Protein backbone atom coordinates (compact mmCIF):
# COMPACT_ATOMS: atom_id res chain seq x y z
CA MET A 1 104.62 116.33 111.88
CA LEU A 2 102.70 113.32 111.99
CA SER A 3 104.66 110.07 110.27
CA GLN A 4 102.70 107.88 108.60
CA GLN A 5 105.30 105.74 107.73
CA ALA A 6 108.80 106.55 108.71
CA THR A 7 110.36 103.92 106.25
CA ARG A 8 109.57 101.60 103.46
CA SER A 9 111.42 97.82 102.90
CA ALA A 10 111.95 98.26 99.09
CA ALA A 11 115.35 100.44 99.19
CA ARG A 12 117.22 99.51 96.45
CA ARG A 13 120.47 101.40 97.58
CA ILE A 14 122.08 102.43 100.63
CA ARG A 15 120.70 105.71 102.35
CA LEU A 16 122.20 107.70 105.08
CA ALA A 17 120.81 110.23 106.55
CA ALA A 18 121.25 112.57 109.41
CA ARG A 19 118.87 113.77 111.45
CA PHE A 20 118.69 117.09 112.95
CA SER A 21 116.37 119.08 115.01
CA THR A 22 115.78 123.08 116.00
CA SER A 23 114.42 123.70 119.34
CA SER A 24 113.09 126.80 120.99
CA CYS A 25 115.69 129.22 123.27
CA ALA A 26 113.58 129.83 126.39
CA SER A 27 114.71 131.05 129.15
CA ASP A 28 116.11 129.09 132.58
CA ALA A 29 112.98 129.96 134.54
CA ALA A 30 110.73 128.58 131.85
CA ALA A 31 112.57 125.83 130.75
CA ALA A 32 114.67 124.79 133.77
CA GLN A 33 112.96 121.34 135.40
CA SER A 34 115.42 118.91 137.23
CA GLU A 35 115.66 115.31 136.18
CA ALA A 36 116.49 112.35 136.95
CA GLU A 37 119.89 110.46 134.82
CA LYS A 38 118.28 108.21 132.09
CA ALA A 39 118.98 104.79 131.27
CA GLU A 40 121.15 104.28 128.15
CA GLY A 41 119.38 103.38 125.53
CA SER A 42 118.87 102.90 121.24
CA ILE A 43 116.07 103.59 119.28
CA ALA A 44 114.16 100.53 120.25
CA SER A 45 113.80 102.14 123.72
CA VAL A 46 111.65 105.00 121.83
CA PHE A 47 109.34 102.74 119.50
CA SER A 48 107.30 99.65 121.00
CA SER A 49 107.60 98.13 117.72
CA LEU A 50 111.48 97.85 117.33
CA GLY A 51 111.52 96.54 121.50
CA GLY A 52 109.16 94.07 120.84
CA ASP A 53 107.39 95.45 124.34
CA ALA A 54 104.70 93.24 125.84
CA PHE A 55 101.32 95.47 125.69
CA VAL A 56 100.67 96.33 129.35
CA PRO A 57 96.95 97.60 129.96
CA LEU A 58 96.82 101.21 131.43
CA GLU A 59 95.71 102.04 134.66
CA GLN A 60 92.08 103.06 135.85
CA ARG A 61 92.65 106.42 136.42
CA PHE A 62 93.26 106.99 132.62
CA SER A 63 89.58 106.38 132.42
CA GLU A 64 88.78 109.02 134.78
CA LEU A 65 91.20 110.96 132.13
CA LYS A 66 89.01 110.55 129.05
CA LYS A 67 85.68 111.58 131.07
CA SER A 68 87.44 114.10 132.79
CA ILE A 69 88.81 115.60 129.54
CA TYR A 70 85.30 115.00 127.18
CA SER A 71 82.42 117.03 126.27
CA ASP A 72 79.29 116.11 124.11
CA GLY A 73 80.42 119.09 121.82
CA LEU A 74 83.62 116.25 120.89
CA ILE A 75 80.76 114.47 118.99
CA GLU A 76 80.46 116.86 116.36
CA SER A 77 83.88 117.48 116.35
CA TRP A 78 84.94 113.48 115.57
CA ARG A 79 82.05 113.49 112.97
CA SER A 80 83.43 116.75 111.56
CA VAL A 81 87.45 115.49 111.53
CA LEU A 82 86.47 111.97 109.89
CA GLU A 83 84.18 114.02 107.15
CA HIS A 84 87.56 116.32 106.14
CA LEU A 85 90.22 113.18 106.52
CA GLU A 86 88.08 111.12 104.03
CA ARG A 87 87.88 113.72 101.16
CA ARG A 88 91.70 114.65 102.24
CA THR A 89 92.63 111.22 102.00
CA ALA A 90 91.21 110.90 98.92
CA GLU A 91 92.98 113.93 97.58
CA ILE A 92 96.03 112.48 98.61
CA ARG A 93 95.89 109.42 97.09
CA GLU A 94 95.23 111.05 93.97
CA ILE A 95 98.61 113.48 93.61
CA GLY A 96 100.88 111.42 95.76
CA SER A 97 104.24 113.02 97.02
CA LYS A 98 103.29 116.11 94.96
CA ALA A 99 101.66 116.88 98.18
CA ILE A 100 104.70 117.86 99.91
CA PRO A 101 106.42 121.10 99.31
CA GLN A 102 109.59 121.03 97.10
CA VAL A 103 111.75 124.63 97.35
CA SER A 104 115.42 124.79 95.91
CA TYR A 105 117.68 126.14 98.40
CA LYS A 106 118.32 129.13 96.88
CA ASP A 107 114.43 130.07 97.40
CA VAL A 108 115.07 129.84 100.60
CA GLN A 109 117.36 132.51 100.61
CA ALA A 110 116.00 134.69 98.17
CA GLY A 111 112.33 134.38 100.13
CA LEU A 112 109.81 132.12 99.09
CA SER A 113 106.32 133.44 98.20
CA GLN A 114 103.56 133.54 100.92
CA GLU A 115 101.80 130.79 98.72
CA THR A 116 104.41 128.54 99.42
CA THR A 117 104.74 129.49 102.91
CA ASP A 118 100.88 128.64 103.91
CA SER A 119 101.52 125.62 101.91
CA VAL A 120 104.22 124.63 104.15
CA LYS A 121 102.35 125.31 106.97
CA ARG A 122 99.47 124.13 106.05
CA VAL A 123 101.41 120.07 105.37
CA GLY A 124 103.64 120.67 108.28
CA THR A 125 106.74 119.12 105.60
CA VAL A 126 109.07 120.62 103.12
CA VAL A 127 112.06 119.25 100.90
CA VAL A 128 114.74 121.41 100.56
CA HIS A 129 116.88 120.46 97.81
CA ASP A 130 120.64 121.48 97.12
CA ALA A 131 121.46 122.81 101.07
CA VAL A 132 124.37 121.49 100.62
CA PRO A 133 126.75 120.62 97.27
CA GLU A 134 126.78 117.07 96.29
CA PRO A 135 130.08 116.39 96.68
CA GLU A 136 130.21 117.47 100.50
CA ALA A 137 127.51 115.46 101.26
CA GLU A 138 129.31 112.54 99.58
CA ALA A 139 132.61 113.19 101.77
CA TRP A 140 130.57 113.12 104.63
CA LYS A 141 129.00 109.92 103.98
CA THR A 142 132.50 108.42 103.09
CA GLN A 143 134.16 109.93 106.74
CA ILE A 144 131.09 108.41 108.43
CA LYS A 145 131.51 104.80 107.29
CA ALA A 146 135.24 105.25 107.75
CA TYR A 147 134.62 106.11 111.35
CA ILE A 148 132.38 103.38 111.90
CA ALA A 149 134.98 100.90 110.02
CA GLU A 150 137.93 102.53 112.60
CA ASN A 151 135.58 101.86 115.82
CA ARG A 152 133.69 98.72 114.87
CA SER A 153 134.42 97.09 118.37
CA LEU A 154 132.88 100.23 119.91
CA ALA A 155 130.15 101.29 117.80
CA ARG A 156 126.30 100.22 118.88
CA GLY A 157 123.44 100.16 116.62
CA PHE A 158 120.24 98.87 115.82
CA PRO A 159 119.79 95.75 115.08
CA ASP A 160 122.45 94.57 117.35
CA ASP A 161 123.53 92.14 114.19
CA ASP A 162 123.49 93.92 111.68
CA PRO A 163 122.90 97.72 112.69
CA GLN A 164 121.32 100.23 110.27
CA VAL A 165 120.71 102.80 112.81
CA TRP A 166 123.66 103.79 114.72
CA GLU A 167 124.08 105.38 118.43
CA LEU A 168 126.73 107.95 116.91
CA TYR A 169 126.18 111.69 117.69
CA ASN A 170 129.47 113.64 117.58
CA SER A 171 131.69 112.41 115.14
CA VAL A 172 133.31 114.76 112.67
CA ALA A 173 131.21 114.43 109.64
CA GLN A 174 128.31 114.87 111.68
CA THR A 175 129.53 118.22 113.72
CA GLN A 176 130.19 119.50 110.05
CA ALA A 177 126.85 118.67 109.09
CA ARG A 178 125.06 120.59 112.32
CA THR A 179 126.96 123.61 111.46
CA HIS A 180 126.68 124.17 107.55
CA PRO A 181 125.59 127.21 106.58
CA GLY A 182 123.33 125.62 104.25
CA LEU A 183 121.52 123.96 107.17
CA LEU A 184 121.68 126.79 109.78
CA SER A 185 120.26 129.52 107.34
CA THR A 186 117.26 126.58 106.38
CA GLN A 187 116.42 125.89 110.27
CA LYS A 188 116.08 129.87 110.98
CA TRP A 189 114.11 130.02 108.11
CA LEU A 190 112.22 127.24 109.80
CA LEU A 191 111.82 128.90 112.93
CA SER A 192 110.25 132.06 111.46
CA LEU A 193 107.07 130.06 110.84
CA PHE A 194 106.31 130.33 114.50
CA HIS A 195 104.72 132.82 116.16
CA THR A 196 103.92 133.64 120.17
CA SER A 197 100.07 134.78 121.14
CA ASP A 198 102.20 136.52 124.17
CA PRO A 199 105.03 138.97 122.75
CA ASN A 200 106.28 138.18 126.19
CA SER A 201 106.75 134.33 125.81
CA PRO A 202 110.65 133.43 126.55
CA VAL A 203 111.44 131.81 123.63
CA SER A 204 113.65 133.09 119.90
CA ILE A 205 112.49 131.71 117.13
CA SER A 206 116.00 133.05 115.26
CA THR A 207 118.27 131.13 117.36
CA PRO A 208 118.51 127.14 115.98
CA ILE A 209 119.67 124.78 118.31
CA SER A 210 120.92 121.39 117.18
CA TYR A 211 119.53 118.50 118.58
CA TYR A 212 121.62 115.62 118.36
CA ASP A 213 120.51 112.51 116.92
CA ARG A 214 121.78 109.28 115.40
CA LEU A 215 122.47 108.40 111.85
CA ARG A 216 121.05 105.97 110.17
CA MET A 217 122.47 103.95 107.13
CA ARG A 218 119.55 101.17 105.63
CA HIS A 219 120.34 98.44 103.65
CA PRO A 220 118.80 97.81 99.77
CA GLY A 221 115.42 96.14 100.71
CA ASP A 222 115.79 95.59 104.28
CA SER A 223 112.31 95.01 106.49
CA VAL A 224 114.14 94.80 109.74
CA PHE A 225 113.85 98.52 110.72
CA ALA A 226 110.39 100.01 109.21
CA LEU A 227 109.07 102.26 111.60
CA GLY A 228 105.17 102.23 111.41
CA ALA A 229 103.07 105.50 111.91
CA HIS A 230 104.44 107.40 114.78
CA ILE A 231 104.70 111.26 116.15
CA ASP A 232 108.11 111.80 118.72
CA GLY A 233 107.70 113.95 121.53
CA GLY A 234 105.52 112.00 123.64
CA SER A 235 102.53 110.50 123.99
CA LEU A 236 100.21 110.10 126.85
CA GLU A 237 101.51 113.82 127.83
CA ARG A 238 99.50 114.82 125.14
CA TRP A 239 96.28 114.40 127.62
CA GLU A 240 97.89 113.91 130.62
CA ASP A 241 99.89 117.10 130.95
CA PRO A 242 97.83 120.15 131.78
CA GLY A 243 100.06 122.37 130.18
CA PHE A 244 100.63 119.75 127.28
CA ARG A 245 96.96 119.33 126.81
CA SER A 246 95.96 123.45 126.68
CA CYS A 247 98.82 123.18 123.28
CA PHE A 248 95.44 121.32 121.74
CA ARG A 249 92.80 123.43 123.61
CA ALA A 250 91.01 124.32 120.55
CA ILE A 251 90.29 120.63 119.21
CA LEU A 252 89.44 119.77 122.55
CA ALA A 253 87.25 122.92 123.36
CA GLY A 254 84.24 120.61 120.90
CA GLY A 255 82.12 121.30 117.97
CA SER A 256 83.01 121.44 114.44
CA ASP A 257 85.73 122.25 112.24
CA PRO A 258 88.11 121.79 115.31
CA HIS A 259 91.19 121.22 113.18
CA VAL A 260 90.57 125.00 111.54
CA ARG A 261 90.78 126.72 114.77
CA HIS A 262 93.91 125.02 115.83
CA ASP A 263 97.08 127.07 116.05
CA PRO A 264 100.30 124.39 115.72
CA TRP A 265 102.38 127.40 114.75
CA ASP A 266 101.44 129.21 118.34
CA LEU A 267 104.56 128.85 120.55
CA THR A 268 103.51 130.34 123.89
CA THR A 269 101.19 127.63 125.35
CA ARG A 270 104.40 124.71 124.04
CA LEU A 271 106.48 126.31 127.02
CA SER A 272 104.57 124.91 129.47
CA ALA A 273 104.04 121.54 128.36
CA LYS A 274 105.75 118.29 129.85
CA THR A 275 106.43 116.00 127.10
CA ASP A 276 108.65 113.47 129.10
CA LEU A 277 106.25 112.80 132.58
CA TYR A 278 107.60 109.08 132.26
CA GLY A 279 111.78 109.36 131.92
CA GLY A 280 111.85 107.57 128.82
CA SER A 281 115.25 106.84 127.65
CA GLY A 282 114.35 107.66 124.00
CA GLN A 283 112.17 110.96 125.34
CA CYS A 284 113.22 114.60 125.26
CA SER A 285 111.87 116.99 127.20
CA VAL A 286 112.80 120.16 124.81
CA PHE A 287 110.50 120.96 122.43
CA ARG A 288 111.96 120.69 118.92
CA MET A 289 109.65 122.91 116.36
CA PHE A 290 111.22 120.93 113.26
CA GLN A 291 112.83 117.59 112.84
CA GLY A 292 114.95 116.92 109.83
CA TRP A 293 116.73 114.25 107.66
CA THR A 294 119.71 115.60 106.25
CA ALA A 295 120.08 113.01 103.10
CA LEU A 296 123.77 112.16 102.20
CA SER A 297 122.72 110.44 99.27
CA ARG A 298 119.83 110.38 96.10
CA THR A 299 116.73 108.29 97.55
CA ALA A 300 113.44 107.84 95.05
CA PRO A 301 109.73 107.53 96.89
CA GLY A 302 109.32 104.52 98.46
CA GLU A 303 113.31 103.58 98.57
CA GLY A 304 113.23 104.25 102.24
CA THR A 305 112.13 107.94 102.41
CA LEU A 306 110.39 109.70 105.13
CA GLN A 307 106.73 109.55 104.94
CA VAL A 308 103.93 111.35 106.21
CA PHE A 309 100.15 112.37 106.45
CA PRO A 310 100.16 116.14 104.73
CA ASP A 311 97.62 117.87 106.60
CA VAL A 312 99.47 118.85 109.96
CA ASN A 313 95.90 120.38 111.55
CA LEU A 314 93.80 117.48 110.61
CA ALA A 315 96.26 114.52 111.54
CA THR A 316 96.87 116.56 114.76
CA ALA A 317 92.55 116.87 115.40
CA TYR A 318 92.22 112.81 114.57
CA VAL A 319 94.80 112.20 117.06
CA MET A 320 93.57 114.29 120.18
CA LEU A 321 90.04 113.22 119.56
CA ARG A 322 90.96 109.20 118.77
CA PRO A 323 90.93 108.20 122.15
CA PHE A 324 87.36 109.51 123.01
CA PHE A 325 85.95 106.59 120.15
CA LYS A 326 86.82 103.36 118.73
CA PRO A 327 85.58 101.06 115.61
CA ARG A 328 82.57 99.59 116.07
CA THR A 329 82.94 95.41 115.92
CA GLY A 330 83.64 94.32 112.01
CA ARG A 331 84.07 98.25 110.90
CA GLU A 332 87.43 98.75 111.41
CA GLY A 333 89.31 100.67 109.05
CA ARG A 334 86.49 102.70 107.73
CA LEU A 335 86.25 106.63 108.09
CA GLY A 336 82.33 106.75 108.27
CA PHE A 337 81.31 108.46 111.51
CA ASP A 338 78.32 105.60 111.90
CA ASP A 339 80.76 102.90 111.63
CA TRP A 340 82.61 104.63 115.45
CA GLU A 341 81.27 104.77 118.95
CA LEU A 342 82.24 106.67 122.32
CA ASP A 343 84.58 105.06 124.48
CA LEU A 344 84.93 106.99 127.77
CA ASP A 345 85.09 103.76 130.11
CA SER A 346 88.23 102.09 128.83
CA THR A 347 91.42 102.96 129.61
CA VAL A 348 92.72 102.67 126.20
CA PHE A 349 95.03 105.34 124.56
CA PRO A 350 95.44 104.52 120.89
CA GLY A 351 99.24 103.75 120.35
CA SER A 352 100.02 105.65 123.43
CA VAL A 353 102.42 104.30 125.78
CA LYS A 354 104.73 105.27 128.79
CA GLY A 355 107.87 106.91 128.32
CA LYS A 356 107.40 106.03 124.69
CA GLY A 357 106.24 107.68 121.44
CA GLU A 358 102.91 107.81 120.36
CA SER A 359 102.47 105.14 117.21
CA ARG A 360 99.69 103.03 115.10
CA CYS A 361 97.00 105.66 115.78
CA ARG A 362 94.45 104.00 113.27
């Protein structure tokens, strides 16, 4: 999922959210990797925009990497993606948040129509309402606030002087949320959207595994914790690691409409992908099939809610092709094909930093 803007500064009330992710259940032989112990970090360790990291140019080998992947067919791919992206962006601007499928938990239990399922798979995002009764969610929020108050001398968060994203992972309320039947059933449905092109792939799409994550309690009107456009799950690894790169082979093969040929729901190639080559403290080596936010309060659009670009195939194609092109001087921010030129000699992979997530890919 491509997050176009993770938070907005116009929140008018406190919003508390607990994040969960579902991940694949692979065999030890396929998933085992020896990893050195990582340094302790915070959410600022994940995103360069929060950590205030200085820009560090990549080594020359990254120019050679671009040249080794590139073929002339990518020019037509880029032209095609830009044309589709311009039309799709205009559509999204017209319909706004209606571009995001919204379903009730009762519908998930009863079984969603093929039309709704296809919409979710095209967009890559869905809002599920009423998976947890409101009184129960409010009780979790009360418990978490009390837990923070009781342990304030030990609890850490970001920013340091007035935390809104807490480094808390295993409170009673968080555990209750992760194991709630409504959330588990929703996760099982989300897992069922995936498939394997190789039936012998050692992966389960019926067993949700919870990924322990932080929680957020955002202040009304805050502008400090405002994530820009980003993608979790690695950055440079998408091109540098052969296994990860193979997940996008249909896009990198060249030719028109690469986003149509790309299948983001095939898990087989994901099993050999290495998403953390640099031991980033905020990076995860497990493939998380879906990432979710469990909202414990009512939040309207523009009040700190997550924003995404609601076309997962088109967004992915743009991200994967972007390093091979750069905007012509004075034409930044445009989507016309003539506003771009090849960029194989530079070492730039826009938005990609070692050991961080992908961010601000424009």
